[in-house]
Each structure stands twice: as C-alpha cells, then as structure tokens.
C-alpha cells in the first residue's frame, strides 16, 4: 500500500515572486534594502515571533538591521510590549497582514527571512516564497523546515526554542551580507523545483496514470466476465 502513496509538494509562482517590484509608498523610509530581517506569518506562540524579537535585541547593538514583522494574530500587543521592554521598539516594525506587491517587495529586499517556529511545519510556503524571491531563510531545525533549508546553501538552521542560537544566526547574516545574497541565488534556483507549472504537471501525470490504470482494470474485468459467461 505504501508504494501507492505519491508525494506532490505545494508550489509557488516563481516567476511572479522573482519579478522586481517597485517600493511600496506606504512603507517607512527606515525599512531599507538588505537592511532588515523579515518575519512573515501568524502572530501566535508556535511561530516564535517572541523568540525572534528577543534574539534581535541581543544583537541590536552590533548591527544596523531593523526587524519587519508582517502578520496578524492574538500575540501582537504582547510582542509590541516585548519590543518596547527590550528597547528595540524603534527598530521593530509591525505591518499587519501584507499581500500582493507589498509582500513580494518585502520578500525580495530583506537580508533574509526568519522562521523561528517552535514545532513542526507541514510545508511552510513562506520559506518557498522567500526562496523564489531570491532570499535565504534563517529557520529552526524542525520537521518541515529542515527538509527545505540547506545550511550554507539556502540559509541557516538553528536549534528550536533557543534564543542564543537564533541570535548567533542573525549575527552571521548581518556580518556576511554578500554571502546571504549568494545563498539567495541558490535558494531561487532550488525554488524552481516547486514552481506551480512543474507541480501542476506532476498532478496531471498522476491523474493520467491513474485513469490509464483504471481503463486497463476495467478491460480486464470485462474480459474475465465475458470468458466466464461463455465457459
């Protein structure tokens, strides 16, 4: 039975995410190209935005980066208070939910995206979207993330729920922007494997094969019934 299981991943529009976008007029001027970290996701405990803010604060004195948090959720007020309490409120931007051209611009122009999830992710689209936009990902080493992020090639993996390890990852990215840019190129090439056109073709190939098998099975059944009738 397990031989009948076919794994087809989710996909992204690589062409759309790779097409350069103009800077959205509504973004604060202090969000500068390649000078910010991007968190994209729900503001809930399992996504680890609080870990990111704490790690960002640990390294804030050693770099000029800002942190952009794009998403909504019940923890937003608590996260804002955390940033204020750690004296990084002026460098952490809460943009709420973003989509369309604004989301693409943020993905394309971040130093890297950060996905500090605490527990397993099924198949995180935000990672694929970041790859398709040409940016590496700093993520936790958990199922769903460790299968996509290749350390040293498409990003960084750190221990889950470990603020010190996450801070070190941020420091590495901030200290080596050229390396981050190179990893973004590798990430974009990897994302080609998950382009919707390729994923759609795999679905069509599977359906064609299943239909062909069904036709063969029906013919065999009909032949067997005909043979029995004339026996």
C-alpha atoms as a PDB file:
ATOM      1  CA  UNK A   1       0.000   0.000   0.000  1.00  0.00           C
ATOM      2  CA  UNK A   2       2.773   2.465   0.794  1.00  0.00           C
ATOM      3  CA  UNK A   3       4.043   2.069  -2.771  1.00  0.00           C
ATOM      4  CA  UNK A   4       0.798   3.679  -3.919  1.00  0.00           C
ATOM      5  CA  UNK A   5       1.440   6.883  -1.983  1.00  0.00           C
ATOM      6  CA  UNK A   6       2.639   9.689  -4.246  1.00  0.00           C
ATOM      7  CA  UNK A   7       4.123  12.776  -2.650  1.00  0.00           C
ATOM      8  CA  UNK A   8       3.481  16.002  -4.570  1.00  0.00           C
ATOM      9  CA  UNK A   9       4.501  19.171  -2.713  1.00  0.00           C
ATOM     10  CA  UNK A  10       2.799  22.525  -2.669  1.00  0.00           C
ATOM     11  CA  UNK A  11       4.067  25.125  -5.099  1.00  0.00           C
ATOM     12  CA  UNK A  12       4.776  28.812  -5.630  1.00  0.00           C
ATOM     13  CA  UNK A  13       4.684  31.183  -8.579  1.00  0.00           C
ATOM     14  CA  UNK A  14       8.427  31.531  -9.102  1.00  0.00           C
ATOM     15  CA  UNK A  15       8.088  33.965 -11.992  1.00  0.00           C
ATOM     16  CA  UNK A  16       5.823  36.341 -10.072  1.00  0.00           C
ATOM     17  CA  UNK A  17       7.901  36.253  -6.897  1.00  0.00           C
ATOM     18  CA  UNK A  18      11.112  36.826  -8.835  1.00  0.00           C
ATOM     19  CA  UNK A  19       9.845  39.802 -10.846  1.00  0.00           C
ATOM     20  CA  UNK A  20      11.220  43.050  -9.313  1.00  0.00           C
ATOM     21  CA  UNK A  21       8.590  45.225  -7.666  1.00  0.00           C
ATOM     22  CA  UNK A  22       8.644  48.990  -7.062  1.00  0.00           C
ATOM     23  CA  UNK A  23       8.975  50.071  -3.453  1.00  0.00           C
ATOM     24  CA  UNK A  24       5.518  50.403  -1.838  1.00  0.00           C
ATOM     25  CA  UNK A  25       4.819  54.033  -0.972  1.00  0.00           C
ATOM     26  CA  UNK A  26       3.314  53.163   2.414  1.00  0.00           C
ATOM     27  CA  UNK A  27       6.458  51.557   3.847  1.00  0.00           C
ATOM     28  CA  UNK A  28       8.517  53.606   6.346  1.00  0.00           C
ATOM     29  CA  UNK A  29      11.666  55.028   4.770  1.00  0.00           C
ATOM     30  CA  UNK A  30      13.753  53.410   7.502  1.00  0.00           C
ATOM     31  CA  UNK A  31      12.995  49.966   6.044  1.00  0.00           C
ATOM     32  CA  UNK A  32      15.979  49.842   3.722  1.00  0.00           C
ATOM     33  CA  UNK A  33      17.027  47.322   1.065  1.00  0.00           C
ATOM     34  CA  UNK A  34      19.003  44.393   2.513  1.00  0.00           C
ATOM     35  CA  UNK A  35      18.968  46.071   5.929  1.00  0.00           C
ATOM     36  CA  UNK A  36      16.075  44.273   7.583  1.00  0.00           C
ATOM     37  CA  UNK A  37      15.048  40.825   8.734  1.00  0.00           C
ATOM     38  CA  UNK A  38      11.579  39.675   7.716  1.00  0.00           C
ATOM     39  CA  UNK A  39       9.163  37.573   9.743  1.00  0.00           C
ATOM     40  CA  UNK A  40       6.119  36.533   7.743  1.00  0.00           C
ATOM     41  CA  UNK A  41       3.368  34.593   9.487  1.00  0.00           C
ATOM     42  CA  UNK A  42       0.713  34.380  12.188  1.00  0.00           C
ATOM     43  CA  UNK A  43       1.497  36.055  15.490  1.00  0.00           C
ATOM     44  CA  UNK A  44       0.929  33.023  17.662  1.00  0.00           C
ATOM     45  CA  UNK A  45       3.154  31.256  20.161  1.00  0.00           C
ATOM     46  CA  UNK A  46       4.084  28.330  17.944  1.00  0.00           C
ATOM     47  CA  UNK A  47       5.516  30.616  15.243  1.00  0.00           C
ATOM     48  CA  UNK A  48       8.142  32.020  17.624  1.00  0.00           C
ATOM     49  CA  UNK A  49       7.998  35.752  16.854  1.00  0.00           C
ATOM     50  CA  UNK A  50       8.782  36.394  20.533  1.00  0.00           C
ATOM     51  CA  UNK A  51      11.987  34.362  20.191  1.00  0.00           C
ATOM     52  CA  UNK A  52      12.945  36.448  17.187  1.00  0.00           C
ATOM     53  CA  UNK A  53      12.395  39.762  18.951  1.00  0.00           C
ATOM     54  CA  UNK A  54      14.472  38.596  21.930  1.00  0.00           C
ATOM     55  CA  UNK A  55      17.287  37.365  19.665  1.00  0.00           C
ATOM     56  CA  UNK A  56      17.150  40.566  17.623  1.00  0.00           C
ATOM     57  CA  UNK A  57      17.502  42.615  20.805  1.00  0.00           C
ATOM     58  CA  UNK A  58      20.564  40.566  21.831  1.00  0.00           C
ATOM     59  CA  UNK A  59      22.361  41.527  18.627  1.00  0.00           C
ATOM     60  CA  UNK A  60      20.936  45.009  18.021  1.00  0.00           C
ATOM     61  CA  UNK A  61      23.999  46.830  19.354  1.00  0.00           C
ATOM     62  CA  UNK A  62      26.271  45.068  16.862  1.00  0.00           C
ATOM     63  CA  UNK A  63      24.422  45.798  13.618  1.00  0.00           C
ATOM     64  CA  UNK A  64      22.169  48.378  11.982  1.00  0.00           C
ATOM     65  CA  UNK A  65      19.405  45.999  10.946  1.00  0.00           C
ATOM     66  CA  UNK A  66      15.715  46.535  11.517  1.00  0.00           C
ATOM     67  CA  UNK A  67      13.097  43.834  12.014  1.00  0.00           C
ATOM     68  CA  UNK A  68       9.905  43.731   9.967  1.00  0.00           C
ATOM     69  CA  UNK A  69       7.064  41.614  11.325  1.00  0.00           C
ATOM     70  CA  UNK A  70       4.363  41.033   8.727  1.00  0.00           C
ATOM     71  CA  UNK A  71       1.331  39.203  10.038  1.00  0.00           C
ATOM     72  CA  UNK A  72      -1.615  39.298  12.382  1.00  0.00           C
ATOM     73  CA  UNK A  73      -2.539  37.345  15.470  1.00  0.00           C
ATOM     74  CA  UNK A  74      -3.528  37.399  19.139  1.00  0.00           C
ATOM     75  CA  UNK A  75       0.043  37.978  20.346  1.00  0.00           C
ATOM     76  CA  UNK A  76       0.598  41.294  18.561  1.00  0.00           C
ATOM     77  CA  UNK A  77       0.109  43.534  21.601  1.00  0.00           C
ATOM     78  CA  UNK A  78       2.323  41.312  23.737  1.00  0.00           C
ATOM     79  CA  UNK A  79       5.023  41.359  21.061  1.00  0.00           C
ATOM     80  CA  UNK A  80       4.877  45.143  20.821  1.00  0.00           C
ATOM     81  CA  UNK A  81       5.289  45.373  24.587  1.00  0.00           C
ATOM     82  CA  UNK A  82       8.213  42.940  24.421  1.00  0.00           C
ATOM     83  CA  UNK A  83       9.983  45.066  21.806  1.00  0.00           C
ATOM     84  CA  UNK A  84       9.468  48.174  23.943  1.00  0.00           C
ATOM     85  CA  UNK A  85      10.706  46.422  27.070  1.00  0.00           C
ATOM     86  CA  UNK A  86      13.870  45.308  25.266  1.00  0.00           C
ATOM     87  CA  UNK A  87      14.499  48.856  23.975  1.00  0.00           C
ATOM     88  CA  UNK A  88      14.174  47.925  20.298  1.00  0.00           C
ATOM     89  CA  UNK A  89      10.703  49.340  19.671  1.00  0.00           C
ATOM     90  CA  UNK A  90      12.050  51.933  17.211  1.00  0.00           C
ATOM     91  CA  UNK A  91      13.684  49.207  15.122  1.00  0.00           C
ATOM     92  CA  UNK A  92      10.827  46.690  15.019  1.00  0.00           C
ATOM     93  CA  UNK A  93       8.032  47.360  12.518  1.00  0.00           C
ATOM     94  CA  UNK A  94       4.647  45.679  12.820  1.00  0.00           C
ATOM     95  CA  UNK A  95       2.992  45.900   9.404  1.00  0.00           C
ATOM     96  CA  UNK A  96       0.000  43.638   9.967  1.00  0.00           C
ATOM     97  CA  UNK A  97      -1.087  41.355   7.167  1.00  0.00           C
ATOM     98  CA  UNK A  98       0.614  42.060   3.842  1.00  0.00           C
ATOM     99  CA  UNK A  99      -0.061  40.651   0.403  1.00  0.00           C
ATOM    100  CA  UNK A 100       0.327  41.401  -3.273  1.00  0.00           C
ATOM    101  CA  UNK A 101       3.128  43.691  -4.415  1.00  0.00           C
ATOM    102  CA  UNK A 102       3.958  44.806  -0.867  1.00  0.00           C
ATOM    103  CA  UNK A 103       4.558  41.250   0.263  1.00  0.00           C
ATOM    104  CA  UNK A 104       6.690  40.483  -2.781  1.00  0.00           C
ATOM    105  CA  UNK A 105       8.805  43.625  -2.312  1.00  0.00           C
ATOM    106  CA  UNK A 106       9.413  42.757   1.341  1.00  0.00           C
ATOM    107  CA  UNK A 107      10.450  39.229   0.405  1.00  0.00           C
ATOM    108  CA  UNK A 108      12.748  40.393  -2.389  1.00  0.00           C
ATOM    109  CA  UNK A 109      14.598  43.043  -0.409  1.00  0.00           C
ATOM    110  CA  UNK A 110      15.117  41.516   3.043  1.00  0.00           C
ATOM    111  CA  UNK A 111      18.580  40.471   4.157  1.00  0.00           C
ATOM    112  CA  UNK A 112      16.867  37.170   4.942  1.00  0.00           C
ATOM    113  CA  UNK A 113      13.583  35.823   6.177  1.00  0.00           C
ATOM    114  CA  UNK A 114      13.408  34.318   9.654  1.00  0.00           C
ATOM    115  CA  UNK A 115      11.124  31.398  10.507  1.00  0.00           C
ATOM    116  CA  UNK A 116      11.708  30.544  14.194  1.00  0.00           C
ATOM    117  CA  UNK A 117       8.821  28.090  14.587  1.00  0.00           C
ATOM    118  CA  UNK A 118       8.711  26.033  17.772  1.00  0.00           C
ATOM    119  CA  UNK A 119       7.013  22.937  16.385  1.00  0.00           C
ATOM    120  CA  UNK A 120       6.840  21.102  13.099  1.00  0.00           C
ATOM    121  CA  UNK A 121       5.603  22.787   9.936  1.00  0.00           C
ATOM    122  CA  UNK A 122       3.753  20.790   7.313  1.00  0.00           C
ATOM    123  CA  UNK A 123       5.206  22.570   4.290  1.00  0.00           C
ATOM    124  CA  UNK A 124       5.869  26.254   5.014  1.00  0.00           C
ATOM    125  CA  UNK A 125       5.040  28.340   1.969  1.00  0.00           C
ATOM    126  CA  UNK A 126       6.788  31.373   3.453  1.00  0.00           C
ATOM    127  CA  UNK A 127      10.111  29.543   3.023  1.00  0.00           C
ATOM    128  CA  UNK A 128       9.422  28.702  -0.615  1.00  0.00           C
ATOM    129  CA  UNK A 129       8.211  32.250  -1.252  1.00  0.00           C
ATOM    130  CA  UNK A 130      11.415  33.640   0.230  1.00  0.00           C
ATOM    131  CA  UNK A 131      13.488  31.280  -1.916  1.00  0.00           C
ATOM    132  CA  UNK A 132      11.557  32.227  -5.053  1.00  0.00           C
ATOM    133  CA  UNK A 133      12.138  35.904  -4.239  1.00  0.00           C
ATOM    134  CA  UNK A 134      15.879  35.225  -4.059  1.00  0.00           C
ATOM    135  CA  UNK A 135      16.383  35.426  -0.314  1.00  0.00           C
ATOM    136  CA  UNK A 136      17.770  32.837   2.133  1.00  0.00           C
ATOM    137  CA  UNK A 137      15.961  31.734   5.287  1.00  0.00           C
ATOM    138  CA  UNK A 138      17.103  31.525   8.893  1.00  0.00           C
ATOM    139  CA  UNK A 139      14.958  28.797  10.428  1.00  0.00           C
ATOM    140  CA  UNK A 140      14.755  26.345  13.294  1.00  0.00           C
ATOM    141  CA  UNK A 141      15.797  22.736  12.801  1.00  0.00           C
ATOM    142  CA  UNK A 142      12.382  21.118  12.954  1.00  0.00           C
ATOM    143  CA  UNK A 143      10.426  18.844  10.577  1.00  0.00           C
ATOM    144  CA  UNK A 144       9.131  20.775   7.597  1.00  0.00           C
ATOM    145  CA  UNK A 145      11.882  23.389   7.782  1.00  0.00           C
ATOM    146  CA  UNK A 146      14.990  21.224   7.876  1.00  0.00           C
ATOM    147  CA  UNK A 147      13.848  19.477   4.688  1.00  0.00           C
ATOM    148  CA  UNK A 148      13.837  22.780   2.789  1.00  0.00           C
ATOM    149  CA  UNK A 149      16.610  24.909   4.282  1.00  0.00           C
ATOM    150  CA  UNK A 150      20.080  23.674   3.385  1.00  0.00           C
ATOM    151  CA  UNK A 151      22.652  25.193   5.775  1.00  0.00           C
ATOM    152  CA  UNK A 152      25.311  27.194   3.999  1.00  0.00           C
ATOM    153  CA  UNK A 153      23.462  26.977   0.689  1.00  0.00           C
ATOM    154  CA  UNK A 154      19.948  28.340   1.083  1.00  0.00           C
ATOM    155  CA  UNK A 155      20.054  29.613   4.652  1.00  0.00           C
ATOM    156  CA  UNK A 156      20.793  28.750   8.256  1.00  0.00           C
ATOM    157  CA  UNK A 157      19.313  26.195  10.661  1.00  0.00           C
ATOM    158  CA  UNK A 158      19.441  26.666  14.429  1.00  0.00           C
ATOM    159  CA  UNK A 159      18.149  24.711  17.400  1.00  0.00           C
ATOM    160  CA  UNK A 160      14.435  25.266  18.099  1.00  0.00           C
ATOM    161  CA  UNK A 161      13.364  27.433  21.023  1.00  0.00           C
ATOM    162  CA  UNK A 162      16.973  28.570  21.514  1.00  0.00           C
ATOM    163  CA  UNK A 163      17.265  32.350  21.625  1.00  0.00           C
ATOM    164  CA  UNK A 164      21.054  32.308  21.814  1.00  0.00           C
ATOM    165  CA  UNK A 165      21.362  30.142  18.687  1.00  0.00           C
ATOM    166  CA  UNK A 166      18.880  32.356  16.851  1.00  0.00           C
ATOM    167  CA  UNK A 167      20.851  35.466  17.851  1.00  0.00           C
ATOM    168  CA  UNK A 168      24.021  33.853  16.510  1.00  0.00           C
ATOM    169  CA  UNK A 169      22.258  33.156  13.225  1.00  0.00           C
ATOM    170  CA  UNK A 170      21.170  36.778  12.984  1.00  0.00           C
ATOM    171  CA  UNK A 171      24.723  37.871  13.703  1.00  0.00           C
ATOM    172  CA  UNK A 172      26.074  35.604  10.974  1.00  0.00           C
ATOM    173  CA  UNK A 173      23.620  37.004   8.435  1.00  0.00           C
ATOM    174  CA  UNK A 174      24.361  40.613   9.432  1.00  0.00           C
ATOM    175  CA  UNK A 175      28.119  40.086   9.262  1.00  0.00           C
ATOM    176  CA  UNK A 176      28.041  38.437   5.820  1.00  0.00           C
ATOM    177  CA  UNK A 177      25.507  40.218   3.568  1.00  0.00           C
ATOM    178  CA  UNK A 178      27.375  39.146   0.414  1.00  0.00           C
ATOM    179  CA  UNK A 179      27.141  35.501   1.484  1.00  0.00           C
ATOM    180  CA  UNK A 180      23.449  35.964   2.225  1.00  0.00           C
ATOM    181  CA  UNK A 181      22.956  37.337  -1.283  1.00  0.00           C
ATOM    182  CA  UNK A 182      24.792  34.361  -2.802  1.00  0.00           C
ATOM    183  CA  UNK A 183      22.666  31.924  -0.796  1.00  0.00           C
ATOM    184  CA  UNK A 184      19.603  33.764  -2.066  1.00  0.00           C
ATOM    185  CA  UNK A 185      20.663  32.882  -5.602  1.00  0.00           C
ATOM    186  CA  UNK A 186      20.979  29.209  -4.669  1.00  0.00           C
ATOM    187  CA  UNK A 187      17.608  29.390  -2.920  1.00  0.00           C
ATOM    188  CA  UNK A 188      15.971  30.833  -6.028  1.00  0.00           C
ATOM    189  CA  UNK A 189      17.360  28.015  -8.164  1.00  0.00           C
ATOM    190  CA  UNK A 190      16.026  25.475  -5.654  1.00  0.00           C
ATOM    191  CA  UNK A 191      12.598  27.118  -5.762  1.00  0.00           C
ATOM    192  CA  UNK A 192      12.364  26.250  -9.471  1.00  0.00           C
ATOM    193  CA  UNK A 193      11.647  22.668  -8.421  1.00  0.00           C
ATOM    194  CA  UNK A 194       8.460  23.903  -6.736  1.00  0.00           C
ATOM    195  CA  UNK A 195       7.184  26.185  -9.476  1.00  0.00           C
ATOM    196  CA  UNK A 196       3.428  25.777  -9.906  1.00  0.00           C
ATOM    197  CA  UNK A 197       3.849  24.741 -13.535  1.00  0.00           C
ATOM    198  CA  UNK A 198       6.019  21.796 -12.519  1.00  0.00           C
ATOM    199  CA  UNK A 199       3.747  20.897  -9.620  1.00  0.00           C
ATOM    200  CA  UNK A 200       0.665  21.071 -11.853  1.00  0.00           C
ATOM    201  CA  UNK A 201       2.363  18.838 -14.428  1.00  0.00           C
ATOM    202  CA  UNK A 202       3.057  16.232 -11.752  1.00  0.00           C
ATOM    203  CA  UNK A 203      -0.633  16.266 -10.812  1.00  0.00           C
ATOM    204  CA  UNK A 204      -1.649  15.805 -14.437  1.00  0.00           C
ATOM    205  CA  UNK A 205       0.828  12.975 -14.895  1.00  0.00           C
ATOM    206  CA  UNK A 206      -0.527  11.234 -11.794  1.00  0.00           C
ATOM    207  CA  UNK A 207      -4.159  11.613 -12.897  1.00  0.00           C
ATOM    208  CA  UNK A 208      -3.289  10.331 -16.386  1.00  0.00           C
ATOM    209  CA  UNK A 209      -1.571   7.292 -14.927  1.00  0.00           C
ATOM    210  CA  UNK A 210      -4.474   6.525 -12.581  1.00  0.00           C
ATOM    211  CA  UNK A 211      -7.006   6.871 -15.387  1.00  0.00           C
ATOM    212  CA  UNK A 212      -4.939   4.575 -17.600  1.00  0.00           C
ATOM    213  CA  UNK A 213      -4.742   2.005 -14.817  1.00  0.00           C
ATOM    214  CA  UNK A 214      -8.499   2.248 -14.315  1.00  0.00           C
ATOM    215  CA  UNK A 215      -9.128   1.658 -18.013  1.00  0.00           C
ATOM    216  CA  UNK A 216      -6.812  -1.388 -18.025  1.00  0.00           C
ATOM    217  CA  UNK A 217      -8.506  -2.752 -14.895  1.00  0.00           C
ATOM    218  CA  UNK A 218     -11.964  -2.275 -16.400  1.00  0.00           C
ATOM    219  CA  UNK A 219     -10.930  -4.064 -19.602  1.00  0.00           C
ATOM    220  CA  UNK A 220      -9.504  -6.983 -17.666  1.00  0.00           C
ATOM    221  CA  UNK A 221     -12.658  -7.248 -15.592  1.00  0.00           C
ATOM    222  CA  UNK A 222     -14.815  -7.153 -18.706  1.00  0.00           C
ATOM    223  CA  UNK A 223     -12.652  -9.825 -20.381  1.00  0.00           C
ATOM    224  CA  UNK A 224     -12.869 -12.056 -17.309  1.00  0.00           C
ATOM    225  CA  UNK A 225     -16.668 -11.671 -17.100  1.00  0.00           C
ATOM    226  CA  UNK A 226     -17.047 -12.410 -20.836  1.00  0.00           C
ATOM    227  CA  UNK A 227     -14.854 -15.507 -20.538  1.00  0.00           C
ATOM    228  CA  UNK A 228     -16.916 -16.764 -17.598  1.00  0.00           C
ATOM    229  CA  UNK A 229     -20.184 -16.179 -19.469  1.00  0.00           C
ATOM    230  CA  UNK A 230     -19.071 -18.349 -22.386  1.00  0.00           C
ATOM    231  CA  UNK A 231     -17.472 -21.038 -20.250  1.00  0.00           C
END
